[in-house]
Amino acid sequence: MHIVVCIKQVPNTTDVKIDPVTNTLIRDGVESVINPFDTYAIEEAVRLKERVGGKVTVITMGPPQAENALKEAISLGCDEAILVSDRSFAGSDTWATSYTLSCAIKKLGAFDVIICGKQASDGDTAQVGPGISTHLDIPQVTYVKKIEEISDNRAKVERMTEEGYDIIETPVPCLFTVVKEINTPRIPSLKGMMRAKSAKITRWTAEDIEADPKSIGLDGSPTRVVKIFTPQPRKGGEILKGDPVDVAKELAELLKDIVI
């Protein structure tokens, strides 16, 4: 079974700066880590490999420094790593990002399952995973908390909901986005760290993955951040005190003035 994991390297700090021209994050010089939700995706992929056999390929789109995240993924049990990096990818929104990653996955060839974290900590959109499945035209199940069964042509999973969970069966190949309830990520072993240190990271450019220039980067992004600002602090509310009956009447009068 070929399991593909898509990860993202995100800033490991709240002290981030914004490019005033493009309104995108400035990542140069900022300490970065694997997106926390993606660590659960890596762990689940490795567990699947241990359970059913096969290999795990980890992919990320980002600047050259994202290679560090890929090496960490290898230390955790992934077999191969691919960095999709090109200046033309700069400024990609979730649609352009998912398109780029889907092109890289197509170049990989046959696969069975793609696993992503449910969302990235820097954007919190939860759109890239579903976007990849859309570009590849494969089924997706989001917010997966347990993979009960999986074979070459079928998977059965538990999908977390606000009320509980759903049991969903889906054809394979497919894509899952996973939540933190699915597992507990392991710590890299000494053997894993040694293997990661000498691992060769494959690098692909936009030309290598045959990406349409009009569909990547800022030019390929249908959404733009046009303004970033700190919202004004909210004013304190009014506290009503006294007998509950009198307070209820007073509150009703205040609401009446607001509504009318």
C-alpha atoms as a PDB file:
ATOM      1  CA  MET A   1       0.000   0.000   0.000  1.00  0.00           C
ATOM      2  CA  HIS A   2       1.304   3.436  -0.941  1.00  0.00           C
ATOM      3  CA  ILE A   3       0.369   6.072   1.650  1.00  0.00           C
ATOM      4  CA  VAL A   4       1.005   9.744   0.904  1.00  0.00           C
ATOM      5  CA  VAL A   5       1.155  12.324   3.680  1.00  0.00           C
ATOM      6  CA  CYS A   6       0.904  16.035   2.928  1.00  0.00           C
ATOM      7  CA  ILE A   7       2.435  18.263   5.589  1.00  0.00           C
ATOM      8  CA  LYS A   8       3.164  21.936   6.067  1.00  0.00           C
ATOM      9  CA  GLN A   9       5.908  23.778   7.885  1.00  0.00           C
ATOM     10  CA  VAL A  10       4.454  26.608   9.977  1.00  0.00           C
ATOM     11  CA  PRO A  11       5.944  29.397  12.133  1.00  0.00           C
ATOM     12  CA  ASN A  12       6.726  28.301  15.686  1.00  0.00           C
ATOM     13  CA  THR A  13       5.837  31.702  17.109  1.00  0.00           C
ATOM     14  CA  THR A  14       3.061  34.248  17.329  1.00  0.00           C
ATOM     15  CA  ASP A  15       5.552  37.007  16.499  1.00  0.00           C
ATOM     16  CA  VAL A  16       5.139  36.842  12.726  1.00  0.00           C
ATOM     17  CA  LYS A  17       5.480  39.636  10.212  1.00  0.00           C
ATOM     18  CA  ILE A  18       3.375  40.378   7.162  1.00  0.00           C
ATOM     19  CA  ASP A  19       4.690  41.504   3.796  1.00  0.00           C
ATOM     20  CA  PRO A  20       3.034  44.924   3.288  1.00  0.00           C
ATOM     21  CA  VAL A  21       2.896  44.446  -0.491  1.00  0.00           C
ATOM     22  CA  THR A  22       1.545  40.889  -0.822  1.00  0.00           C
ATOM     23  CA  ASN A  23      -0.129  40.636   2.612  1.00  0.00           C
ATOM     24  CA  THR A  24       1.423  37.177   3.044  1.00  0.00           C
ATOM     25  CA  LEU A  25       3.492  35.805   5.913  1.00  0.00           C
ATOM     26  CA  ILE A  26       7.222  36.531   5.910  1.00  0.00           C
ATOM     27  CA  ARG A  27       8.736  33.146   6.735  1.00  0.00           C
ATOM     28  CA  ASP A  28      12.427  33.896   6.226  1.00  0.00           C
ATOM     29  CA  GLY A  29      14.331  33.897   9.496  1.00  0.00           C
ATOM     30  CA  VAL A  30      11.370  32.591  11.513  1.00  0.00           C
ATOM     31  CA  GLU A  31      11.745  29.288  13.381  1.00  0.00           C
ATOM     32  CA  SER A  32       9.401  26.736  11.866  1.00  0.00           C
ATOM     33  CA  VAL A  33       7.947  23.366  12.877  1.00  0.00           C
ATOM     34  CA  ILE A  34       5.711  20.719  11.373  1.00  0.00           C
ATOM     35  CA  ASN A  35       2.100  21.842  11.590  1.00  0.00           C
ATOM     36  CA  PRO A  36       0.846  20.182  14.810  1.00  0.00           C
ATOM     37  CA  PHE A  37      -2.156  18.515  13.145  1.00  0.00           C
ATOM     38  CA  ASP A  38       0.156  17.039  10.502  1.00  0.00           C
ATOM     39  CA  THR A  39       2.077  15.107  13.159  1.00  0.00           C
ATOM     40  CA  TYR A  40      -1.068  13.022  13.685  1.00  0.00           C
ATOM     41  CA  ALA A  41      -1.273  12.420   9.922  1.00  0.00           C
ATOM     42  CA  ILE A  42       2.343  11.206   9.891  1.00  0.00           C
ATOM     43  CA  GLU A  43       1.756   8.912  12.857  1.00  0.00           C
ATOM     44  CA  GLU A  44      -1.389   7.406  11.315  1.00  0.00           C
ATOM     45  CA  ALA A  45       0.383   6.811   8.002  1.00  0.00           C
ATOM     46  CA  VAL A  46       3.247   4.998   9.748  1.00  0.00           C
ATOM     47  CA  ARG A  47       0.783   2.928  11.768  1.00  0.00           C
ATOM     48  CA  LEU A  48      -1.031   1.935   8.579  1.00  0.00           C
ATOM     49  CA  LYS A  49       2.272   0.878   7.036  1.00  0.00           C
ATOM     50  CA  GLU A  50       3.041  -1.224  10.104  1.00  0.00           C
ATOM     51  CA  ARG A  51      -0.426  -2.760   9.935  1.00  0.00           C
ATOM     52  CA  VAL A  52      -0.845  -3.551   6.244  1.00  0.00           C
ATOM     53  CA  GLY A  53       2.616  -3.048   4.749  1.00  0.00           C
ATOM     54  CA  GLY A  54       3.746  -0.729   1.975  1.00  0.00           C
ATOM     55  CA  LYS A  55       5.516   2.625   2.097  1.00  0.00           C
ATOM     56  CA  VAL A  56       4.898   6.183   3.212  1.00  0.00           C
ATOM     57  CA  THR A  57       5.813   9.181   1.062  1.00  0.00           C
ATOM     58  CA  VAL A  58       5.699  12.598   2.690  1.00  0.00           C
ATOM     59  CA  ILE A  59       5.271  15.754   0.590  1.00  0.00           C
ATOM     60  CA  THR A  60       5.379  19.436   1.396  1.00  0.00           C
ATOM     61  CA  MET A  61       5.249  22.627  -0.643  1.00  0.00           C
ATOM     62  CA  GLY A  62       7.435  25.390   0.679  1.00  0.00           C
ATOM     63  CA  PRO A  63      10.794  27.171   0.708  1.00  0.00           C
ATOM     64  CA  PRO A  64      14.114  25.272   0.925  1.00  0.00           C
ATOM     65  CA  GLN A  65      14.025  25.375   4.743  1.00  0.00           C
ATOM     66  CA  ALA A  66      10.952  23.090   4.668  1.00  0.00           C
ATOM     67  CA  GLU A  67      13.406  20.258   4.045  1.00  0.00           C
ATOM     68  CA  ASN A  68      13.901  20.171   7.831  1.00  0.00           C
ATOM     69  CA  ALA A  69      10.257  19.217   8.327  1.00  0.00           C
ATOM     70  CA  LEU A  70      10.600  16.401   5.801  1.00  0.00           C
ATOM     71  CA  LYS A  71      13.669  15.024   7.551  1.00  0.00           C
ATOM     72  CA  GLU A  72      11.785  15.048  10.822  1.00  0.00           C
ATOM     73  CA  ALA A  73       8.974  13.091   9.123  1.00  0.00           C
ATOM     74  CA  ILE A  74      11.521  10.508   7.987  1.00  0.00           C
ATOM     75  CA  SER A  75      12.830  10.216  11.547  1.00  0.00           C
ATOM     76  CA  LEU A  76       9.253   9.371  12.565  1.00  0.00           C
ATOM     77  CA  GLY A  77       8.977   6.486  10.095  1.00  0.00           C
ATOM     78  CA  CYS A  78       8.210   7.888   6.651  1.00  0.00           C
ATOM     79  CA  ASP A  79      10.156   6.236   3.818  1.00  0.00           C
ATOM     80  CA  GLU A  80      10.525   8.915   1.145  1.00  0.00           C
ATOM     81  CA  ALA A  81      10.261  12.704   1.145  1.00  0.00           C
ATOM     82  CA  ILE A  82       9.574  15.242  -1.577  1.00  0.00           C
ATOM     83  CA  LEU A  83       9.954  19.001  -1.350  1.00  0.00           C
ATOM     84  CA  VAL A  84       7.953  20.923  -3.942  1.00  0.00           C
ATOM     85  CA  SER A  85       9.713  24.266  -4.055  1.00  0.00           C
ATOM     86  CA  ASP A  86       9.731  27.083  -6.571  1.00  0.00           C
ATOM     87  CA  ARG A  87       9.621  30.880  -6.304  1.00  0.00           C
ATOM     88  CA  SER A  88       6.550  30.815  -8.526  1.00  0.00           C
ATOM     89  CA  PHE A  89       4.591  29.141  -5.694  1.00  0.00           C
ATOM     90  CA  ALA A  90       4.942  32.211  -3.445  1.00  0.00           C
ATOM     91  CA  GLY A  91       1.642  33.713  -2.323  1.00  0.00           C
ATOM     92  CA  SER A  92      -0.451  30.617  -3.088  1.00  0.00           C
ATOM     93  CA  ASP A  93      -3.849  30.504  -1.414  1.00  0.00           C
ATOM     94  CA  THR A  94      -5.465  27.215  -0.410  1.00  0.00           C
ATOM     95  CA  TRP A  95      -6.752  26.549  -3.925  1.00  0.00           C
ATOM     96  CA  ALA A  96      -3.379  27.098  -5.604  1.00  0.00           C
ATOM     97  CA  THR A  97      -1.639  25.123  -2.855  1.00  0.00           C
ATOM     98  CA  SER A  98      -3.951  22.132  -3.217  1.00  0.00           C
ATOM     99  CA  TYR A  99      -3.525  22.282  -7.011  1.00  0.00           C
ATOM    100  CA  THR A 100       0.268  22.280  -6.675  1.00  0.00           C
ATOM    101  CA  LEU A 101       0.260  19.357  -4.251  1.00  0.00           C
ATOM    102  CA  SER A 102      -2.137  17.412  -6.481  1.00  0.00           C
ATOM    103  CA  CYS A 103       0.265  17.864  -9.417  1.00  0.00           C
ATOM    104  CA  ALA A 104       3.090  16.482  -7.273  1.00  0.00           C
ATOM    105  CA  ILE A 105       0.978  13.495  -6.225  1.00  0.00           C
ATOM    106  CA  LYS A 106       0.108  12.782  -9.854  1.00  0.00           C
ATOM    107  CA  LYS A 107       3.823  12.734 -10.652  1.00  0.00           C
ATOM    108  CA  LEU A 108       4.312  10.155  -7.887  1.00  0.00           C
ATOM    109  CA  GLY A 109       2.117   7.706  -9.753  1.00  0.00           C
ATOM    110  CA  ALA A 110      -0.158   5.142  -8.121  1.00  0.00           C
ATOM    111  CA  PHE A 111      -1.196   5.692  -4.503  1.00  0.00           C
ATOM    112  CA  ASP A 112      -3.840   4.274  -2.181  1.00  0.00           C
ATOM    113  CA  VAL A 113      -4.433   6.801   0.582  1.00  0.00           C
ATOM    114  CA  ILE A 114      -3.573  10.455   1.133  1.00  0.00           C
ATOM    115  CA  ILE A 115      -3.560  11.654   4.746  1.00  0.00           C
ATOM    116  CA  CYS A 116      -3.529  15.298   5.837  1.00  0.00           C
ATOM    117  CA  GLY A 117      -3.939  17.050   9.152  1.00  0.00           C
ATOM    118  CA  LYS A 118      -7.389  18.592   9.491  1.00  0.00           C
ATOM    119  CA  GLN A 119      -5.998  22.141   9.159  1.00  0.00           C
ATOM    120  CA  ALA A 120      -2.870  24.274   9.433  1.00  0.00           C
ATOM    121  CA  SER A 121      -2.209  26.308  12.566  1.00  0.00           C
ATOM    122  CA  ASP A 122      -1.239  29.420  10.603  1.00  0.00           C
ATOM    123  CA  GLY A 123      -4.272  29.578   8.315  1.00  0.00           C
ATOM    124  CA  ASP A 124      -6.922  27.440  10.057  1.00  0.00           C
ATOM    125  CA  THR A 125      -8.923  27.080   6.838  1.00  0.00           C
ATOM    126  CA  ALA A 126      -9.091  23.246   6.652  1.00  0.00           C
ATOM    127  CA  GLN A 127      -9.368  23.632   2.863  1.00  0.00           C
ATOM    128  CA  VAL A 128      -6.145  22.184   1.428  1.00  0.00           C
ATOM    129  CA  GLY A 129      -6.948  18.508   2.078  1.00  0.00           C
ATOM    130  CA  PRO A 130     -10.417  18.687   0.480  1.00  0.00           C
ATOM    131  CA  GLY A 131      -8.912  20.790  -2.325  1.00  0.00           C
ATOM    132  CA  ILE A 132      -6.391  18.052  -3.139  1.00  0.00           C
ATOM    133  CA  SER A 133      -9.152  15.451  -3.352  1.00  0.00           C
ATOM    134  CA  THR A 134     -11.117  17.760  -5.648  1.00  0.00           C
ATOM    135  CA  HIS A 135      -8.184  18.257  -8.020  1.00  0.00           C
ATOM    136  CA  LEU A 136      -7.480  14.503  -8.047  1.00  0.00           C
ATOM    137  CA  ASP A 137     -11.194  13.610  -8.298  1.00  0.00           C
ATOM    138  CA  ILE A 138     -11.067  11.076  -5.457  1.00  0.00           C
ATOM    139  CA  PRO A 139     -13.351  10.563  -2.413  1.00  0.00           C
ATOM    140  CA  GLN A 140     -12.527  12.374   0.819  1.00  0.00           C
ATOM    141  CA  VAL A 141     -13.465  11.910   4.462  1.00  0.00           C
ATOM    142  CA  THR A 142     -12.662  14.802   6.786  1.00  0.00           C
ATOM    143  CA  TYR A 143     -12.197  14.845  10.583  1.00  0.00           C
ATOM    144  CA  VAL A 144     -11.303  11.148  10.732  1.00  0.00           C
ATOM    145  CA  LYS A 145     -10.783   9.916  14.301  1.00  0.00           C
ATOM    146  CA  LYS A 146     -10.211   6.225  13.543  1.00  0.00           C
ATOM    147  CA  ILE A 147      -9.405   4.049  10.544  1.00  0.00           C
ATOM    148  CA  GLU A 148     -11.225   0.817  11.343  1.00  0.00           C
ATOM    149  CA  GLU A 149     -10.539  -1.161   8.171  1.00  0.00           C
ATOM    150  CA  ILE A 150      -8.599  -0.606   4.971  1.00  0.00           C
ATOM    151  CA  SER A 151      -7.809  -2.713   1.921  1.00  0.00           C
ATOM    152  CA  ASP A 152      -6.791  -2.198  -1.690  1.00  0.00           C
ATOM    153  CA  ASN A 153     -10.285  -1.079  -2.695  1.00  0.00           C
ATOM    154  CA  ARG A 154     -12.208  -0.079   0.435  1.00  0.00           C
ATOM    155  CA  ALA A 155     -11.806   1.756   3.728  1.00  0.00           C
ATOM    156  CA  LYS A 156     -14.044   2.075   6.784  1.00  0.00           C
ATOM    157  CA  VAL A 157     -13.479   5.018   9.128  1.00  0.00           C
ATOM    158  CA  GLU A 158     -15.005   6.931  12.000  1.00  0.00           C
ATOM    159  CA  ARG A 159     -15.609  10.602  11.255  1.00  0.00           C
ATOM    160  CA  MET A 160     -15.858  12.902  14.272  1.00  0.00           C
ATOM    161  CA  THR A 161     -18.922  15.144  14.536  1.00  0.00           C
ATOM    162  CA  GLU A 162     -20.159  17.582  17.178  1.00  0.00           C
ATOM    163  CA  GLU A 163     -22.676  14.994  18.413  1.00  0.00           C
ATOM    164  CA  GLY A 164     -20.466  11.888  18.213  1.00  0.00           C
ATOM    165  CA  TYR A 165     -19.153  10.176  15.105  1.00  0.00           C
ATOM    166  CA  ASP A 166     -20.242   8.729  11.762  1.00  0.00           C
ATOM    167  CA  ILE A 167     -19.173   5.371  10.334  1.00  0.00           C
ATOM    168  CA  ILE A 168     -18.231   5.928   6.694  1.00  0.00           C
ATOM    169  CA  GLU A 169     -17.159   3.474   4.008  1.00  0.00           C
ATOM    170  CA  THR A 170     -15.302   4.815   0.987  1.00  0.00           C
ATOM    171  CA  PRO A 171     -13.609   3.422  -2.111  1.00  0.00           C
ATOM    172  CA  VAL A 172      -9.820   3.488  -2.259  1.00  0.00           C
ATOM    173  CA  PRO A 173      -7.880   5.523  -3.410  1.00  0.00           C
ATOM    174  CA  CYS A 174      -9.173   8.269  -1.168  1.00  0.00           C
ATOM    175  CA  LEU A 175      -8.087  11.154   1.062  1.00  0.00           C
ATOM    176  CA  PHE A 176      -8.468  11.537   4.825  1.00  0.00           C
ATOM    177  CA  THR A 177      -7.985  14.579   7.005  1.00  0.00           C
ATOM    178  CA  VAL A 178      -7.388  13.516  10.595  1.00  0.00           C
ATOM    179  CA  VAL A 179      -8.019  15.021  14.026  1.00  0.00           C
ATOM    180  CA  LYS A 180      -5.779  14.786  17.090  1.00  0.00           C
ATOM    181  CA  GLU A 181      -8.072  12.198  18.689  1.00  0.00           C
ATOM    182  CA  ILE A 182      -6.881   9.606  16.164  1.00  0.00           C
ATOM    183  CA  ASN A 183      -3.569   8.749  17.878  1.00  0.00           C
ATOM    184  CA  THR A 184      -0.615   9.884  19.962  1.00  0.00           C
ATOM    185  CA  PRO A 185       2.395  10.824  17.794  1.00  0.00           C
ATOM    186  CA  ARG A 186       5.596   8.948  18.593  1.00  0.00           C
ATOM    187  CA  ILE A 187       8.967  10.413  19.472  1.00  0.00           C
ATOM    188  CA  PRO A 188      11.754   9.888  16.897  1.00  0.00           C
ATOM    189  CA  SER A 189      13.988   6.923  17.682  1.00  0.00           C
ATOM    190  CA  LEU A 190      17.778   7.136  17.534  1.00  0.00           C
ATOM    191  CA  LYS A 191      17.704   4.879  14.481  1.00  0.00           C
ATOM    192  CA  GLY A 192      15.105   7.116  12.859  1.00  0.00           C
ATOM    193  CA  MET A 193      17.127  10.254  13.524  1.00  0.00           C
ATOM    194  CA  MET A 194      20.244   8.670  12.036  1.00  0.00           C
ATOM    195  CA  ARG A 195      18.310   7.636   8.936  1.00  0.00           C
ATOM    196  CA  ALA A 196      16.837  11.134   8.575  1.00  0.00           C
ATOM    197  CA  LYS A 197      20.278  12.709   8.860  1.00  0.00           C
ATOM    198  CA  SER A 198      21.503  10.879   5.771  1.00  0.00           C
ATOM    199  CA  ALA A 199      18.166  10.872   3.896  1.00  0.00           C
ATOM    200  CA  LYS A 200      18.054  12.307   0.415  1.00  0.00           C
ATOM    201  CA  ILE A 201      15.192  14.747  -0.096  1.00  0.00           C
ATOM    202  CA  THR A 202      13.809  14.869  -3.633  1.00  0.00           C
ATOM    203  CA  ARG A 203      13.127  18.391  -4.903  1.00  0.00           C
ATOM    204  CA  TRP A 204      10.594  19.202  -7.590  1.00  0.00           C
ATOM    205  CA  THR A 205       9.979  22.554  -9.245  1.00  0.00           C
ATOM    206  CA  ALA A 206       6.845  23.812 -10.971  1.00  0.00           C
ATOM    207  CA  GLU A 207       8.288  22.549 -14.253  1.00  0.00           C
ATOM    208  CA  ASP A 208       9.015  19.109 -12.788  1.00  0.00           C
ATOM    209  CA  ILE A 209       5.394  18.584 -11.744  1.00  0.00           C
ATOM    210  CA  GLU A 210       4.081  20.130 -14.988  1.00  0.00           C
ATOM    211  CA  ALA A 211       2.012  22.722 -13.120  1.00  0.00           C
ATOM    212  CA  ASP A 212       0.074  25.267 -15.140  1.00  0.00           C
ATOM    213  CA  PRO A 213       1.777  28.658 -14.502  1.00  0.00           C
ATOM    214  CA  LYS A 214      -1.643  30.327 -14.411  1.00  0.00           C
ATOM    215  CA  SER A 215      -2.783  28.058 -11.561  1.00  0.00           C
ATOM    216  CA  ILE A 216       0.043  28.549  -9.049  1.00  0.00           C
ATOM    217  CA  GLY A 217       1.261  31.331  -6.786  1.00  0.00           C
ATOM    218  CA  LEU A 218      -0.532  34.651  -6.540  1.00  0.00           C
ATOM    219  CA  ASP A 219      -1.632  34.520 -10.185  1.00  0.00           C
ATOM    220  CA  GLY A 220      -3.358  31.179  -9.614  1.00  0.00           C
ATOM    221  CA  SER A 221      -5.018  32.202  -6.361  1.00  0.00           C
ATOM    222  CA  PRO A 222      -8.692  33.189  -6.690  1.00  0.00           C
ATOM    223  CA  THR A 223      -8.641  34.626  -3.157  1.00  0.00           C
ATOM    224  CA  ARG A 224      -6.406  37.430  -1.903  1.00  0.00           C
ATOM    225  CA  VAL A 225      -5.719  38.986   1.472  1.00  0.00           C
ATOM    226  CA  VAL A 226      -6.459  42.628   0.697  1.00  0.00           C
ATOM    227  CA  LYS A 227      -6.170  44.051   4.199  1.00  0.00           C
ATOM    228  CA  ILE A 228      -4.814  42.989   7.577  1.00  0.00           C
ATOM    229  CA  PHE A 229      -5.671  44.903  10.731  1.00  0.00           C
ATOM    230  CA  THR A 230      -6.124  44.473  14.466  1.00  0.00           C
ATOM    231  CA  PRO A 231      -9.815  44.729  15.359  1.00  0.00           C
ATOM    232  CA  GLN A 232     -10.870  47.403  17.819  1.00  0.00           C
ATOM    233  CA  PRO A 233     -11.382  46.078  21.362  1.00  0.00           C
ATOM    234  CA  ARG A 234     -15.001  45.563  22.308  1.00  0.00           C
ATOM    235  CA  LYS A 235     -16.548  47.889  24.849  1.00  0.00           C
ATOM    236  CA  GLY A 236     -17.535  46.408  28.174  1.00  0.00           C
ATOM    237  CA  GLY A 237     -21.140  45.289  28.523  1.00  0.00           C
ATOM    238  CA  GLU A 238     -23.688  46.643  30.968  1.00  0.00           C
ATOM    239  CA  ILE A 239     -24.280  44.596  34.121  1.00  0.00           C
ATOM    240  CA  LEU A 240     -27.817  44.574  35.487  1.00  0.00           C
ATOM    241  CA  LYS A 241     -28.249  44.004  39.206  1.00  0.00           C
ATOM    242  CA  GLY A 242     -31.199  43.658  41.516  1.00  0.00           C
ATOM    243  CA  ASP A 243     -34.255  41.481  41.896  1.00  0.00           C
ATOM    244  CA  PRO A 244     -34.443  38.863  39.084  1.00  0.00           C
ATOM    245  CA  VAL A 245     -37.954  39.970  38.106  1.00  0.00           C
ATOM    246  CA  ASP A 246     -36.931  43.629  37.899  1.00  0.00           C
ATOM    247  CA  VAL A 247     -33.734  42.733  36.006  1.00  0.00           C
ATOM    248  CA  ALA A 248     -35.760  40.677  33.506  1.00  0.00           C
ATOM    249  CA  LYS A 249     -38.093  43.621  32.862  1.00  0.00           C
ATOM    250  CA  GLU A 250     -35.172  46.010  32.451  1.00  0.00           C
ATOM    251  CA  LEU A 251     -33.437  43.627  30.077  1.00  0.00           C
ATOM    252  CA  ALA A 252     -36.618  43.271  28.038  1.00  0.00           C
ATOM    253  CA  GLU A 253     -36.851  47.055  27.677  1.00  0.00           C
ATOM    254  CA  LEU A 254     -33.199  47.291  26.585  1.00  0.00           C
ATOM    255  CA  LEU A 255     -33.635  44.541  24.013  1.00  0.00           C
ATOM    256  CA  LYS A 256     -36.822  46.176  22.760  1.00  0.00           C
ATOM    257  CA  ASP A 257     -34.911  49.386  22.056  1.00  0.00           C
ATOM    258  CA  ILE A 258     -32.195  47.471  20.201  1.00  0.00           C
ATOM    259  CA  VAL A 259     -34.573  45.393  18.096  1.00  0.00           C
ATOM    260  CA  ILE A 260     -37.009  48.219  17.349  1.00  0.00           C
END
